């Protein structure tokens, strides 16, 4: 199978799942609403200062999300924040 355009891929998925375009739009709208609600709920969710994603993790170094903590540890092992990130992770594992 050769490369597909975005429209061809979309049409194939719609056929595969037998969804009409209004159902897909409803799913997209619901996902966007959930994302906006998450952004607005500052008591529950934090914005990661590195990737700007919203997460509910508490206690990570500098309010980083788990993904960014893992990226720093794996990709930048000599970064000055890595020892503190590892200490935070150890505290969470002990609880």
Protein backbone atom coordinates (compact mmCIF):
# COMPACT_ATOMS: atom_id res chain seq x y z
CA UNK A 1 0.00 0.00 0.00
CA UNK A 2 1.38 3.39 -0.98
CA UNK A 3 1.32 6.59 1.01
CA UNK A 4 -2.08 8.08 1.73
CA UNK A 5 -3.16 11.66 1.90
CA UNK A 6 -4.73 12.89 5.11
CA UNK A 7 -8.17 12.85 3.48
CA UNK A 8 -7.70 9.27 2.31
CA UNK A 9 -6.62 8.17 5.78
CA UNK A 10 -9.61 9.93 7.34
CA UNK A 11 -12.01 8.33 4.86
CA UNK A 12 -10.50 4.91 5.54
CA UNK A 13 -10.93 5.36 9.31
CA UNK A 14 -14.51 6.58 8.90
CA UNK A 15 -15.28 3.51 6.82
CA UNK A 16 -13.48 1.21 9.25
CA UNK A 17 -15.37 2.49 12.28
CA UNK A 18 -18.54 3.28 10.34
CA UNK A 19 -18.65 6.75 11.81
CA UNK A 20 -20.18 9.64 9.99
CA UNK A 21 -18.50 13.02 10.02
CA UNK A 22 -20.94 14.44 12.59
CA UNK A 23 -19.98 11.68 15.07
CA UNK A 24 -16.32 12.42 14.52
CA UNK A 25 -16.98 16.13 15.06
CA UNK A 26 -18.88 15.33 18.29
CA UNK A 27 -15.94 13.29 19.56
CA UNK A 28 -13.54 16.08 18.68
CA UNK A 29 -15.73 18.70 20.37
CA UNK A 30 -16.01 16.58 23.54
CA UNK A 31 -12.23 16.11 23.66
CA UNK A 32 -11.63 19.85 23.24
CA UNK A 33 -14.14 20.64 26.01
CA UNK A 34 -12.42 18.19 28.36
CA UNK A 35 -9.07 19.78 27.57
CA UNK A 36 -10.41 23.28 28.30
CA UNK A 37 -12.00 22.11 31.57
CA UNK A 38 -8.67 20.62 32.60
CA UNK A 39 -6.87 23.89 31.83
CA UNK A 40 -9.42 25.87 33.86
CA UNK A 41 -9.26 23.60 36.94
CA UNK A 42 -6.12 25.02 38.54
CA UNK A 43 -6.78 23.34 41.88
CA UNK A 44 -6.57 19.86 40.36
CA UNK A 45 -4.32 20.26 37.33
CA UNK A 46 -0.92 21.89 36.92
CA UNK A 47 0.77 23.08 33.76
CA UNK A 48 4.14 21.47 33.20
CA UNK A 49 6.67 24.29 32.75
CA UNK A 50 8.63 22.23 30.23
CA UNK A 51 6.04 20.78 27.82
CA UNK A 52 3.06 23.02 28.75
CA UNK A 53 0.84 19.95 29.11
CA UNK A 54 -1.64 19.76 32.00
CA UNK A 55 -1.29 17.00 34.60
CA UNK A 56 -2.54 16.15 38.06
CA UNK A 57 0.76 14.91 39.49
CA UNK A 58 1.79 16.47 42.79
CA UNK A 59 5.24 16.41 44.32
CA UNK A 60 7.37 16.16 41.20
CA UNK A 61 10.39 18.41 40.99
CA UNK A 62 9.46 21.90 39.82
CA UNK A 63 5.87 20.74 38.99
CA UNK A 64 7.15 18.76 35.98
CA UNK A 65 4.90 16.06 34.56
CA UNK A 66 6.06 12.44 34.79
CA UNK A 67 6.98 12.38 31.10
CA UNK A 68 9.28 15.38 31.39
CA UNK A 69 10.89 13.96 34.54
CA UNK A 70 11.60 10.73 32.68
CA UNK A 71 12.96 12.65 29.66
CA UNK A 72 15.37 14.63 31.83
CA UNK A 73 16.59 11.51 33.63
CA UNK A 74 17.01 9.45 30.45
CA UNK A 75 18.21 12.06 27.97
CA UNK A 76 20.08 14.50 30.18
CA UNK A 77 21.54 12.46 33.07
CA UNK A 78 24.00 15.21 34.01
CA UNK A 79 21.35 17.97 34.20
CA UNK A 80 21.54 19.66 37.62
CA UNK A 81 17.88 18.84 38.34
CA UNK A 82 18.25 15.05 37.89
CA UNK A 83 19.37 14.27 41.49
CA UNK A 84 16.39 16.16 42.92
CA UNK A 85 14.00 14.48 40.45
CA UNK A 86 15.33 11.09 41.53
CA UNK A 87 14.89 12.01 45.21
CA UNK A 88 11.26 13.01 44.54
CA UNK A 89 10.66 9.71 42.73
CA UNK A 90 12.12 7.73 45.63
CA UNK A 91 9.80 9.56 48.08
CA UNK A 92 6.78 8.63 45.93
CA UNK A 93 7.82 4.97 45.70
CA UNK A 94 8.14 4.69 49.49
CA UNK A 95 4.60 5.99 50.12
